[in-house]
Amino acid sequence: MVVDVCCVVGCNTSKNTNRDLSFHKFPVISKATTKRLIAAVGRRNDRSFRPEKATICCRHFSDECFTPVNGPIVGRRLKKNYLPTLNLPSGTSAQSNISQIEINSGEDDAMV
């Protein structure tokens, strides 16, 4: 069984230990954006990290990045094209990498 684990270096959250947190797909938008995001979360851009399989927990997104969800599943859904900006690793160029990324806002993205 695959368990969602936050891919941000230094964040030790997983669905097993933090059932009250939501986990979201790593934003894979373009090669340039993905490369900056990999650096921002403190990972290396090599074959050992697979962004298309990675998740990021809600602790790395501000409240404005979410929209409420009602219905059979109540909670919050991450809006499409919102990027993690909170609790990123220190000692990386996280903020400069995030600030260099310009993305158009769009439709909401599904929760993982």
PDB file of N, CA and C in Angstrom:
ATOM      1  N   MET A   1       0.831  -1.181   0.000  1.00  0.00           N
ATOM      2  CA  MET A   1       0.000   0.000   0.000  1.00  0.00           C
ATOM      3  C   MET A   1       0.879   1.249   0.000  1.00  0.00           C
ATOM      4  N   VAL A   2       0.584   2.188  -0.890  1.00  0.00           N
ATOM      5  CA  VAL A   2       1.338   3.428  -0.971  1.00  0.00           C
ATOM      6  C   VAL A   2       0.744   4.434   0.014  1.00  0.00           C
ATOM      7  N   VAL A   3       1.598   5.039   0.821  1.00  0.00           N
ATOM      8  CA  VAL A   3       1.162   6.026   1.794  1.00  0.00           C
ATOM      9  C   VAL A   3       1.682   7.387   1.359  1.00  0.00           C
ATOM     10  N   ASP A   4       0.799   8.393   1.373  1.00  0.00           N
ATOM     11  CA  ASP A   4       1.237   9.735   1.025  1.00  0.00           C
ATOM     12  C   ASP A   4       2.154  10.268   2.119  1.00  0.00           C
ATOM     13  N   VAL A   5       3.316  10.743   1.688  1.00  0.00           N
ATOM     14  CA  VAL A   5       4.302  11.347   2.568  1.00  0.00           C
ATOM     15  C   VAL A   5       4.669  12.683   1.948  1.00  0.00           C
ATOM     16  N   CYS A   6       4.767  13.709   2.770  1.00  0.00           N
ATOM     17  CA  CYS A   6       5.125  15.024   2.250  1.00  0.00           C
ATOM     18  C   CYS A   6       6.560  14.997   1.740  1.00  0.00           C
ATOM     19  N   CYS A   7       6.774  15.520   0.532  1.00  0.00           N
ATOM     20  CA  CYS A   7       8.093  15.469  -0.095  1.00  0.00           C
ATOM     21  C   CYS A   7       8.990  16.638   0.288  1.00  0.00           C
ATOM     22  N   VAL A   8       8.481  17.617   1.052  1.00  0.00           N
ATOM     23  CA  VAL A   8       9.295  18.763   1.441  1.00  0.00           C
ATOM     24  C   VAL A   8      10.339  18.301   2.453  1.00  0.00           C
ATOM     25  N   VAL A   9      11.602  18.587   2.169  1.00  0.00           N
ATOM     26  CA  VAL A   9      12.688  18.173   3.049  1.00  0.00           C
ATOM     27  C   VAL A   9      12.478  18.791   4.436  1.00  0.00           C
ATOM     28  N   GLY A  10      12.559  17.955   5.460  1.00  0.00           N
ATOM     29  CA  GLY A  10      12.380  18.402   6.835  1.00  0.00           C
ATOM     30  C   GLY A  10      10.962  18.258   7.351  1.00  0.00           C
ATOM     31  N   CYS A  11      10.008  18.000   6.475  1.00  0.00           N
ATOM     32  CA  CYS A  11       8.622  17.783   6.880  1.00  0.00           C
ATOM     33  C   CYS A  11       8.411  16.275   6.976  1.00  0.00           C
ATOM     34  N   ASN A  12       8.001  15.830   8.125  1.00  0.00           N
ATOM     35  CA  ASN A  12       7.871  14.388   8.350  1.00  0.00           C
ATOM     36  C   ASN A  12       6.423  13.933   8.439  1.00  0.00           C
ATOM     37  N   THR A  13       5.542  14.599   7.709  1.00  0.00           N
ATOM     38  CA  THR A  13       4.132  14.232   7.792  1.00  0.00           C
ATOM     39  C   THR A  13       3.788  13.139   6.789  1.00  0.00           C
ATOM     40  N   SER A  14       2.871  12.295   7.201  1.00  0.00           N
ATOM     41  CA  SER A  14       2.332  11.262   6.318  1.00  0.00           C
ATOM     42  C   SER A  14       0.866  11.072   6.672  1.00  0.00           C
ATOM     43  N   LYS A  15       0.128  10.454   5.777  1.00  0.00           N
ATOM     44  CA  LYS A  15      -1.289  10.191   6.056  1.00  0.00           C
ATOM     45  C   LYS A  15      -1.450   9.233   7.225  1.00  0.00           C
ATOM     46  N   ASN A  16      -0.474   8.358   7.432  1.00  0.00           N
ATOM     47  CA  ASN A  16      -0.555   7.415   8.551  1.00  0.00           C
ATOM     48  C   ASN A  16      -0.491   8.127   9.892  1.00  0.00           C
ATOM     49  N   THR A  17       0.361   9.152  10.005  1.00  0.00           N
ATOM     50  CA  THR A  17       0.564   9.819  11.284  1.00  0.00           C
ATOM     51  C   THR A  17      -0.243  11.109  11.430  1.00  0.00           C
ATOM     52  N   ASN A  18      -0.751  11.647  10.334  1.00  0.00           N
ATOM     53  CA  ASN A  18      -1.487  12.913  10.360  1.00  0.00           C
ATOM     54  C   ASN A  18      -2.738  12.813   9.501  1.00  0.00           C
ATOM     55  N   ARG A  19      -3.714  12.101   9.966  1.00  0.00           N
ATOM     56  CA  ARG A  19      -4.936  11.889   9.185  1.00  0.00           C
ATOM     57  C   ARG A  19      -5.761  13.169   9.016  1.00  0.00           C
ATOM     58  N   ASP A  20      -5.504  14.172   9.845  1.00  0.00           N
ATOM     59  CA  ASP A  20      -6.260  15.418   9.746  1.00  0.00           C
ATOM     60  C   ASP A  20      -5.687  16.365   8.688  1.00  0.00           C
ATOM     61  N   LEU A  21      -4.538  16.044   8.102  1.00  0.00           N
ATOM     62  CA  LEU A  21      -3.926  16.883   7.074  1.00  0.00           C
ATOM     63  C   LEU A  21      -4.301  16.379   5.678  1.00  0.00           C
ATOM     64  N   SER A  22      -4.359  17.302   4.738  1.00  0.00           N
ATOM     65  CA  SER A  22      -4.591  16.902   3.348  1.00  0.00           C
ATOM     66  C   SER A  22      -3.261  16.877   2.608  1.00  0.00           C
ATOM     67  N   PHE A  23      -3.180  16.002   1.625  1.00  0.00           N
ATOM     68  CA  PHE A  23      -1.975  15.854   0.804  1.00  0.00           C
ATOM     69  C   PHE A  23      -2.356  16.098  -0.646  1.00  0.00           C
ATOM     70  N   HIS A  24      -1.488  16.814  -1.355  1.00  0.00           N
ATOM     71  CA  HIS A  24      -1.809  17.260  -2.710  1.00  0.00           C
ATOM     72  C   HIS A  24      -0.682  16.900  -3.657  1.00  0.00           C
ATOM     73  N   LYS A  25      -1.044  16.656  -4.894  1.00  0.00           N
ATOM     74  CA  LYS A  25      -0.057  16.295  -5.905  1.00  0.00           C
ATOM     75  C   LYS A  25       0.979  17.407  -6.068  1.00  0.00           C
ATOM     76  N   PHE A  26       2.214  17.007  -6.298  1.00  0.00           N
ATOM     77  CA  PHE A  26       3.286  17.963  -6.579  1.00  0.00           C
ATOM     78  C   PHE A  26       2.945  18.667  -7.887  1.00  0.00           C
ATOM     79  N   PRO A  27       2.966  19.999  -7.916  1.00  0.00           N
ATOM     80  CA  PRO A  27       2.607  20.708  -9.151  1.00  0.00           C
ATOM     81  C   PRO A  27       3.616  20.455 -10.271  1.00  0.00           C
ATOM     82  N   VAL A  28       3.209  19.740 -11.289  1.00  0.00           N
ATOM     83  CA  VAL A  28       4.054  19.502 -12.461  1.00  0.00           C
ATOM     84  C   VAL A  28       3.424  20.299 -13.597  1.00  0.00           C
ATOM     85  N   ILE A  29       3.995  21.477 -13.862  1.00  0.00           N
ATOM     86  CA  ILE A  29       3.386  22.416 -14.795  1.00  0.00           C
ATOM     87  C   ILE A  29       4.197  22.523 -16.079  1.00  0.00           C
ATOM     88  N   SER A  30       5.466  22.798 -15.936  1.00  0.00           N
ATOM     89  CA  SER A  30       6.385  22.847 -17.069  1.00  0.00           C
ATOM     90  C   SER A  30       7.750  22.415 -16.555  1.00  0.00           C
ATOM     91  N   LYS A  31       8.674  22.119 -17.437  1.00  0.00           N
ATOM     92  CA  LYS A  31      10.003  21.674 -16.996  1.00  0.00           C
ATOM     93  C   LYS A  31      10.687  22.728 -16.141  1.00  0.00           C
ATOM     94  N   ALA A  32      10.624  23.984 -16.568  1.00  0.00           N
ATOM     95  CA  ALA A  32      11.289  25.063 -15.828  1.00  0.00           C
ATOM     96  C   ALA A  32      10.654  25.256 -14.447  1.00  0.00           C
ATOM     97  N   THR A  33       9.328  25.254 -14.392  1.00  0.00           N
ATOM     98  CA  THR A  33       8.618  25.423 -13.124  1.00  0.00           C
ATOM     99  C   THR A  33       8.900  24.252 -12.197  1.00  0.00           C
ATOM    100  N   THR A  34       8.839  23.056 -12.724  1.00  0.00           N
ATOM    101  CA  THR A  34       9.083  21.867 -11.912  1.00  0.00           C
ATOM    102  C   THR A  34      10.491  21.889 -11.343  1.00  0.00           C
ATOM    103  N   LYS A  35      11.458  22.290 -12.126  1.00  0.00           N
ATOM    104  CA  LYS A  35      12.851  22.364 -11.664  1.00  0.00           C
ATOM    105  C   LYS A  35      12.973  23.346 -10.491  1.00  0.00           C
ATOM    106  N   ARG A  36      12.331  24.507 -10.588  1.00  0.00           N
ATOM    107  CA  ARG A  36      12.377  25.490  -9.498  1.00  0.00           C
ATOM    108  C   ARG A  36      11.659  24.968  -8.254  1.00  0.00           C
ATOM    109  N   LEU A  37      10.535  24.290  -8.453  1.00  0.00           N
ATOM    110  CA  LEU A  37       9.796  23.753  -7.311  1.00  0.00           C
ATOM    111  C   LEU A  37      10.577  22.649  -6.606  1.00  0.00           C
ATOM    112  N   ILE A  38      11.265  21.828  -7.369  1.00  0.00           N
ATOM    113  CA  ILE A  38      12.088  20.774  -6.771  1.00  0.00           C
ATOM    114  C   ILE A  38      13.138  21.401  -5.868  1.00  0.00           C
ATOM    115  N   ALA A  39      13.771  22.470  -6.333  1.00  0.00           N
ATOM    116  CA  ALA A  39      14.764  23.173  -5.515  1.00  0.00           C
ATOM    117  C   ALA A  39      14.100  23.818  -4.300  1.00  0.00           C
ATOM    118  N   ALA A  40      12.912  24.377  -4.491  1.00  0.00           N
ATOM    119  CA  ALA A  40      12.208  25.063  -3.400  1.00  0.00           C
ATOM    120  C   ALA A  40      11.853  24.132  -2.254  1.00  0.00           C
ATOM    121  N   VAL A  41      11.533  22.883  -2.554  1.00  0.00           N
ATOM    122  CA  VAL A  41      11.190  21.933  -1.487  1.00  0.00           C
ATOM    123  C   VAL A  41      12.420  21.213  -0.949  1.00  0.00           C
ATOM    124  N   GLY A  42      13.596  21.589  -1.453  1.00  0.00           N
ATOM    125  CA  GLY A  42      14.845  21.046  -0.929  1.00  0.00           C
ATOM    126  C   GLY A  42      15.269  19.715  -1.516  1.00  0.00           C
ATOM    127  N   ARG A  43      14.675  19.333  -2.615  1.00  0.00           N
ATOM    128  CA  ARG A  43      15.022  18.061  -3.269  1.00  0.00           C
ATOM    129  C   ARG A  43      16.029  18.284  -4.373  1.00  0.00           C
ATOM    130  N   ARG A  44      16.663  17.212  -4.791  1.00  0.00           N
ATOM    131  CA  ARG A  44      17.572  17.256  -5.926  1.00  0.00           C
ATOM    132  C   ARG A  44      16.811  16.920  -7.193  1.00  0.00           C
ATOM    133  N   ASN A  45      17.205  17.540  -8.265  1.00  0.00           N
ATOM    134  CA  ASN A  45      16.584  17.260  -9.555  1.00  0.00           C
ATOM    135  C   ASN A  45      17.347  16.111 -10.209  1.00  0.00           C
ATOM    136  N   ASP A  46      17.138  14.925  -9.672  1.00  0.00           N
ATOM    137  CA  ASP A  46      17.773  13.741 -10.239  1.00  0.00           C
ATOM    138  C   ASP A  46      16.757  12.605 -10.268  1.00  0.00           C
ATOM    139  N   ARG A  47      17.189  11.461 -10.678  1.00  0.00           N
ATOM    140  CA  ARG A  47      16.256  10.333 -10.842  1.00  0.00           C
ATOM    141  C   ARG A  47      15.699   9.793  -9.532  1.00  0.00           C
ATOM    142  N   SER A  48      16.293  10.164  -8.395  1.00  0.00           N
ATOM    143  CA  SER A  48      15.795   9.648  -7.119  1.00  0.00           C
ATOM    144  C   SER A  48      14.503  10.344  -6.685  1.00  0.00           C
ATOM    145  N   PHE A  49      14.211  11.516  -7.238  1.00  0.00           N
ATOM    146  CA  PHE A  49      12.982  12.225  -6.905  1.00  0.00           C
ATOM    147  C   PHE A  49      12.065  12.233  -8.115  1.00  0.00           C
ATOM    148  N   ARG A  50      10.844  11.755  -7.932  1.00  0.00           N
ATOM    149  CA  ARG A  50       9.880  11.674  -9.033  1.00  0.00           C
ATOM    150  C   ARG A  50       8.694  12.580  -8.716  1.00  0.00           C
ATOM    151  N   PRO A  51       8.718  13.823  -9.225  1.00  0.00           N
ATOM    152  CA  PRO A  51       7.654  14.772  -8.891  1.00  0.00           C
ATOM    153  C   PRO A  51       6.259  14.299  -9.272  1.00  0.00           C
ATOM    154  N   GLU A  52       6.150  13.516 -10.316  1.00  0.00           N
ATOM    155  CA  GLU A  52       4.825  13.054 -10.738  1.00  0.00           C
ATOM    156  C   GLU A  52       4.209  12.076  -9.735  1.00  0.00           C
ATOM    157  N   LYS A  53       5.019  11.544  -8.832  1.00  0.00           N
ATOM    158  CA  LYS A  53       4.539  10.617  -7.791  1.00  0.00           C
ATOM    159  C   LYS A  53       4.509  11.272  -6.413  1.00  0.00           C
ATOM    160  N   ALA A  54       5.046  12.485  -6.293  1.00  0.00           N
ATOM    161  CA  ALA A  54       5.221  13.135  -4.991  1.00  0.00           C
ATOM    162  C   ALA A  54       3.965  13.872  -4.541  1.00  0.00           C
ATOM    163  N   THR A  55       3.840  14.033  -3.222  1.00  0.00           N
ATOM    164  CA  THR A  55       2.764  14.827  -2.642  1.00  0.00           C
ATOM    165  C   THR A  55       3.348  15.843  -1.665  1.00  0.00           C
ATOM    166  N   ILE A  56       2.584  16.911  -1.444  1.00  0.00           N
ATOM    167  CA  ILE A  56       2.958  17.956  -0.493  1.00  0.00           C
ATOM    168  C   ILE A  56       1.785  18.146   0.456  1.00  0.00           C
ATOM    169  N   CYS A  57       2.075  18.207   1.758  1.00  0.00           N
ATOM    170  CA  CYS A  57       0.985  18.361   2.719  1.00  0.00           C
ATOM    171  C   CYS A  57       0.513  19.807   2.774  1.00  0.00           C
ATOM    172  N   CYS A  58      -0.669  19.988   3.336  1.00  0.00           N
ATOM    173  CA  CYS A  58      -1.315  21.300   3.374  1.00  0.00           C
ATOM    174  C   CYS A  58      -0.560  22.317   4.211  1.00  0.00           C
ATOM    175  N   ARG A  59       0.375  21.895   5.037  1.00  0.00           N
ATOM    176  CA  ARG A  59       1.144  22.823   5.871  1.00  0.00           C
ATOM    177  C   ARG A  59       2.014  23.778   5.053  1.00  0.00           C
ATOM    178  N   HIS A  60       2.188  23.487   3.783  1.00  0.00           N
ATOM    179  CA  HIS A  60       3.074  24.300   2.943  1.00  0.00           C
ATOM    180  C   HIS A  60       2.304  25.256   2.028  1.00  0.00           C
ATOM    181  N   PHE A  61       0.989  25.315   2.201  1.00  0.00           N
ATOM    182  CA  PHE A  61       0.137  26.189   1.393  1.00  0.00           C
ATOM    183  C   PHE A  61      -0.628  27.139   2.308  1.00  0.00           C
ATOM    184  N   SER A  62      -0.779  28.384   1.891  1.00  0.00           N
ATOM    185  CA  SER A  62      -1.555  29.347   2.681  1.00  0.00           C
ATOM    186  C   SER A  62      -3.054  29.065   2.488  1.00  0.00           C
ATOM    187  N   ASP A  63      -3.864  29.605   3.387  1.00  0.00           N
ATOM    188  CA  ASP A  63      -5.312  29.373   3.327  1.00  0.00           C
ATOM    189  C   ASP A  63      -5.919  29.832   2.009  1.00  0.00           C
ATOM    190  N   GLU A  64      -5.377  30.880   1.405  1.00  0.00           N
ATOM    191  CA  GLU A  64      -5.932  31.383   0.136  1.00  0.00           C
ATOM    192  C   GLU A  64      -5.743  30.405  -1.019  1.00  0.00           C
ATOM    193  N   CYS A  65      -4.931  29.391  -0.827  1.00  0.00           N
ATOM    194  CA  CYS A  65      -4.682  28.391  -1.869  1.00  0.00           C
ATOM    195  C   CYS A  65      -5.791  27.341  -1.950  1.00  0.00           C
ATOM    196  N   PHE A  66      -6.737  27.389  -1.006  1.00  0.00           N
ATOM    197  CA  PHE A  66      -7.768  26.365  -0.926  1.00  0.00           C
ATOM    198  C   PHE A  66      -9.156  26.938  -1.162  1.00  0.00           C
ATOM    199  N   THR A  67     -10.018  26.065  -1.628  1.00  0.00           N
ATOM    200  CA  THR A  67     -11.432  26.389  -1.755  1.00  0.00           C
ATOM    201  C   THR A  67     -12.202  25.323  -0.969  1.00  0.00           C
ATOM    202  N   PRO A  68     -13.281  25.702  -0.265  1.00  0.00           N
ATOM    203  CA  PRO A  68     -14.030  24.701   0.500  1.00  0.00           C
ATOM    204  C   PRO A  68     -14.750  23.718  -0.415  1.00  0.00           C
ATOM    205  N   VAL A  69     -14.889  22.511   0.070  1.00  0.00           N
ATOM    206  CA  VAL A  69     -15.588  21.457  -0.673  1.00  0.00           C
ATOM    207  C   VAL A  69     -16.723  20.955   0.202  1.00  0.00           C
ATOM    208  N   ASN A  70     -17.915  20.909  -0.357  1.00  0.00           N
ATOM    209  CA  ASN A  70     -19.084  20.368   0.334  1.00  0.00           C
ATOM    210  C   ASN A  70     -19.607  19.193  -0.466  1.00  0.00           C
ATOM    211  N   GLY A  71     -20.355  18.359   0.169  1.00  0.00           N
ATOM    212  CA  GLY A  71     -20.899  17.189  -0.506  1.00  0.00           C
ATOM    213  C   GLY A  71     -20.510  15.943   0.240  1.00  0.00           C
ATOM    214  N   PRO A  72     -20.358  14.822  -0.480  1.00  0.00           N
ATOM    215  CA  PRO A  72     -20.017  13.565   0.196  1.00  0.00           C
ATOM    216  C   PRO A  72     -18.681  13.660   0.936  1.00  0.00           C
ATOM    217  N   ILE A  73     -17.744  14.455   0.375  1.00  0.00           N
ATOM    218  CA  ILE A  73     -16.442  14.654   1.023  1.00  0.00           C
ATOM    219  C   ILE A  73     -16.363  16.132   1.386  1.00  0.00           C
ATOM    220  N   VAL A  74     -16.322  16.408   2.692  1.00  0.00           N
ATOM    221  CA  VAL A  74     -16.242  17.787   3.157  1.00  0.00           C
ATOM    222  C   VAL A  74     -14.786  18.083   3.476  1.00  0.00           C
ATOM    223  N   GLY A  75     -14.321  19.231   3.085  1.00  0.00           N
ATOM    224  CA  GLY A  75     -12.936  19.598   3.362  1.00  0.00           C
ATOM    225  C   GLY A  75     -12.511  20.775   2.519  1.00  0.00           C
ATOM    226  N   ARG A  76     -11.237  20.768   2.157  1.00  0.00           N
ATOM    227  CA  ARG A  76     -10.687  21.834   1.320  1.00  0.00           C
ATOM    228  C   ARG A  76      -9.998  21.209   0.120  1.00  0.00           C
ATOM    229  N   ARG A  77     -10.071  21.896  -0.987  1.00  0.00           N
ATOM    230  CA  ARG A  77      -9.428  21.436  -2.206  1.00  0.00           C
ATOM    231  C   ARG A  77      -8.402  22.489  -2.609  1.00  0.00           C
ATOM    232  N   LEU A  78      -7.229  22.044  -3.007  1.00  0.00           N
ATOM    233  CA  LEU A  78      -6.186  22.955  -3.456  1.00  0.00           C
ATOM    234  C   LEU A  78      -6.553  23.504  -4.824  1.00  0.00           C
ATOM    235  N   LYS A  79      -6.513  24.825  -4.962  1.00  0.00           N
ATOM    236  CA  LYS A  79      -6.799  25.445  -6.247  1.00  0.00           C
ATOM    237  C   LYS A  79      -5.664  25.152  -7.217  1.00  0.00           C
ATOM    238  N   LYS A  80      -6.007  25.021  -8.474  1.00  0.00           N
ATOM    239  CA  LYS A  80      -5.018  24.717  -9.499  1.00  0.00           C
ATOM    240  C   LYS A  80      -4.009  25.864  -9.602  1.00  0.00           C
ATOM    241  N   ASN A  81      -2.761  25.503  -9.794  1.00  0.00           N
ATOM    242  CA  ASN A  81      -1.657  26.434 -10.020  1.00  0.00           C
ATOM    243  C   ASN A  81      -1.245  27.240  -8.794  1.00  0.00           C
ATOM    244  N   TYR A  82      -1.670  26.824  -7.608  1.00  0.00           N
ATOM    245  CA  TYR A  82      -1.167  27.457  -6.399  1.00  0.00           C
ATOM    246  C   TYR A  82       0.062  26.692  -5.939  1.00  0.00           C
ATOM    247  N   LEU A  83       1.040  27.429  -5.434  1.00  0.00           N
ATOM    248  CA  LEU A  83       2.338  26.839  -5.117  1.00  0.00           C
ATOM    249  C   LEU A  83       2.598  26.843  -3.623  1.00  0.00           C
ATOM    250  N   PRO A  84       3.394  25.872  -3.149  1.00  0.00           N
ATOM    251  CA  PRO A  84       3.754  25.855  -1.730  1.00  0.00           C
ATOM    252  C   PRO A  84       4.697  27.023  -1.420  1.00  0.00           C
ATOM    253  N   THR A  85       4.392  27.773  -0.362  1.00  0.00           N
ATOM    254  CA  THR A  85       5.238  28.902   0.033  1.00  0.00           C
ATOM    255  C   THR A  85       5.542  28.912   1.520  1.00  0.00           C
ATOM    256  N   LEU A  86       4.907  28.049   2.290  1.00  0.00           N
ATOM    257  CA  LEU A  86       5.075  28.049   3.741  1.00  0.00           C
ATOM    258  C   LEU A  86       5.933  26.878   4.208  1.00  0.00           C
ATOM    259  N   ASN A  87       6.665  27.101   5.276  1.00  0.00           N
ATOM    260  CA  ASN A  87       7.432  26.037   5.942  1.00  0.00           C
ATOM    261  C   ASN A  87       8.344  25.283   4.979  1.00  0.00           C
ATOM    262  N   LEU A  88       8.978  26.014   4.086  1.00  0.00           N
ATOM    263  CA  LEU A  88       9.927  25.399   3.160  1.00  0.00           C
ATOM    264  C   LEU A  88      11.289  25.331   3.834  1.00  0.00           C
ATOM    265  N   PRO A  89      12.159  24.437   3.373  1.00  0.00           N
ATOM    266  CA  PRO A  89      13.452  24.250   4.036  1.00  0.00           C
ATOM    267  C   PRO A  89      14.292  25.525   4.065  1.00  0.00           C
ATOM    268  N   SER A  90      14.918  25.750   5.207  1.00  0.00           N
ATOM    269  CA  SER A  90      15.853  26.868   5.270  1.00  0.00           C
ATOM    270  C   SER A  90      17.173  26.417   4.644  1.00  0.00           C
ATOM    271  N   GLY A  91      17.956  27.354   4.190  1.00  0.00           N
ATOM    272  CA  GLY A  91      19.218  27.006   3.559  1.00  0.00           C
ATOM    273  C   GLY A  91      19.077  26.680   2.082  1.00  0.00           C
ATOM    274  N   THR A  92      17.843  26.722   1.570  1.00  0.00           N
ATOM    275  CA  THR A  92      17.652  26.547   0.130  1.00  0.00           C
ATOM    276  C   THR A  92      17.231  27.892  -0.428  1.00  0.00           C
ATOM    277  N   SER A  93      17.202  27.997  -1.687  1.00  0.00           N
ATOM    278  CA  SER A  93      16.747  29.248  -2.305  1.00  0.00           C
ATOM    279  C   SER A  93      15.257  29.158  -2.566  1.00  0.00           C
ATOM    280  N   ALA A  94      14.524  28.624  -1.593  1.00  0.00           N
ATOM    281  CA  ALA A  94      13.101  28.345  -1.765  1.00  0.00           C
ATOM    282  C   ALA A  94      12.304  29.572  -2.165  1.00  0.00           C
ATOM    283  N   GLN A  95      12.398  30.634  -1.396  1.00  0.00           N
ATOM    284  CA  GLN A  95      11.575  31.805  -1.698  1.00  0.00           C
ATOM    285  C   GLN A  95      11.929  32.414  -3.045  1.00  0.00           C
ATOM    286  N   SER A  96      13.212  32.464  -3.384  1.00  0.00           N
ATOM    287  CA  SER A  96      13.572  33.032  -4.687  1.00  0.00           C
ATOM    288  C   SER A  96      13.101  32.123  -5.812  1.00  0.00           C
ATOM    289  N   ASN A  97      13.138  30.816  -5.609  1.00  0.00           N
ATOM    290  CA  ASN A  97      12.640  29.898  -6.632  1.00  0.00           C
ATOM    291  C   ASN A  97      11.140  30.054  -6.815  1.00  0.00           C
ATOM    292  N   ILE A  98      10.397  30.174  -5.726  1.00  0.00           N
ATOM    293  CA  ILE A  98       8.949  30.330  -5.806  1.00  0.00           C
ATOM    294  C   ILE A  98       8.609  31.676  -6.436  1.00  0.00           C
ATOM    295  N   SER A  99       9.307  32.731  -6.046  1.00  0.00           N
ATOM    296  CA  SER A  99       8.958  34.060  -6.558  1.00  0.00           C
ATOM    297  C   SER A  99       9.250  34.202  -8.046  1.00  0.00           C
ATOM    298  N   GLN A 100      10.106  33.366  -8.593  1.00  0.00           N
ATOM    299  CA  GLN A 100      10.428  33.425 -10.014  1.00  0.00           C
ATOM    300  C   GLN A 100       9.377  32.727 -10.872  1.00  0.00           C
ATOM    301  N   ILE A 101       8.496  32.002 -10.251  1.00  0.00           N
ATOM    302  CA  ILE A 101       7.509  31.219 -10.988  1.00  0.00           C
ATOM    303  C   ILE A 101       6.258  32.049 -11.190  1.00  0.00           C
ATOM    304  N   GLU A 102       5.901  32.242 -12.425  1.00  0.00           N
ATOM    305  CA  GLU A 102       4.670  32.957 -12.730  1.00  0.00           C
ATOM    306  C   GLU A 102       3.722  31.982 -13.406  1.00  0.00           C
ATOM    307  N   ILE A 103       2.561  31.806 -12.772  1.00  0.00           N
ATOM    308  CA  ILE A 103       1.598  30.832 -13.282  1.00  0.00           C
ATOM    309  C   ILE A 103       0.237  31.495 -13.335  1.00  0.00           C
ATOM    310  N   ASN A 104      -0.490  31.248 -14.382  1.00  0.00           N
ATOM    311  CA  ASN A 104      -1.852  31.757 -14.479  1.00  0.00           C
ATOM    312  C   ASN A 104      -2.755  30.912 -13.600  1.00  0.00           C
ATOM    313  N   SER A 105      -3.661  31.555 -12.877  1.00  0.00           N
ATOM    314  CA  SER A 105      -4.605  30.782 -12.063  1.00  0.00           C
ATOM    315  C   SER A 105      -5.633  30.160 -12.976  1.00  0.00           C
ATOM    316  N   GLY A 106      -6.203  29.060 -12.522  1.00  0.00           N
ATOM    317  CA  GLY A 106      -7.164  28.342 -13.360  1.00  0.00           C
ATOM    318  C   GLY A 106      -8.156  27.583 -12.521  1.00  0.00           C
ATOM    319  N   GLU A 107      -8.568  26.442 -13.017  1.00  0.00           N
ATOM    320  CA  GLU A 107      -9.558  25.619 -12.336  1.00  0.00           C
ATOM    321  C   GLU A 107      -8.960  24.963 -11.111  1.00  0.00           C
ATOM    322  N   ASP A 108      -9.831  24.482 -10.251  1.00  0.00           N
ATOM    323  CA  ASP A 108      -9.390  23.786  -9.062  1.00  0.00           C
ATOM    324  C   ASP A 108      -8.787  22.445  -9.423  1.00  0.00           C
ATOM    325  N   ASP A 109      -7.831  22.014  -8.606  1.00  0.00           N
ATOM    326  CA  ASP A 109      -7.165  20.739  -8.806  1.00  0.00           C
ATOM    327  C   ASP A 109      -7.697  19.751  -7.768  1.00  0.00           C
ATOM    328  N   ALA A 110      -7.739  18.510  -8.113  1.00  0.00           N
ATOM    329  CA  ALA A 110      -8.285  17.495  -7.220  1.00  0.00           C
ATOM    330  C   ALA A 110      -7.389  17.244  -6.018  1.00  0.00           C
ATOM    331  N   MET A 111      -8.028  16.900  -4.902  1.00  0.00           N
ATOM    332  CA  MET A 111      -7.315  16.540  -3.694  1.00  0.00           C
ATOM    333  C   MET A 111      -6.813  15.098  -3.837  1.00  0.00           C
ATOM    334  N   VAL A 112      -5.674  14.797  -3.239  1.00  0.00           N
ATOM    335  CA  VAL A 112      -5.131  13.442  -3.296  1.00  0.00           C
ATOM    336  C   VAL A 112      -5.636  12.667  -2.118  1.00  0.00           C
TER     337      VAL A 112
END
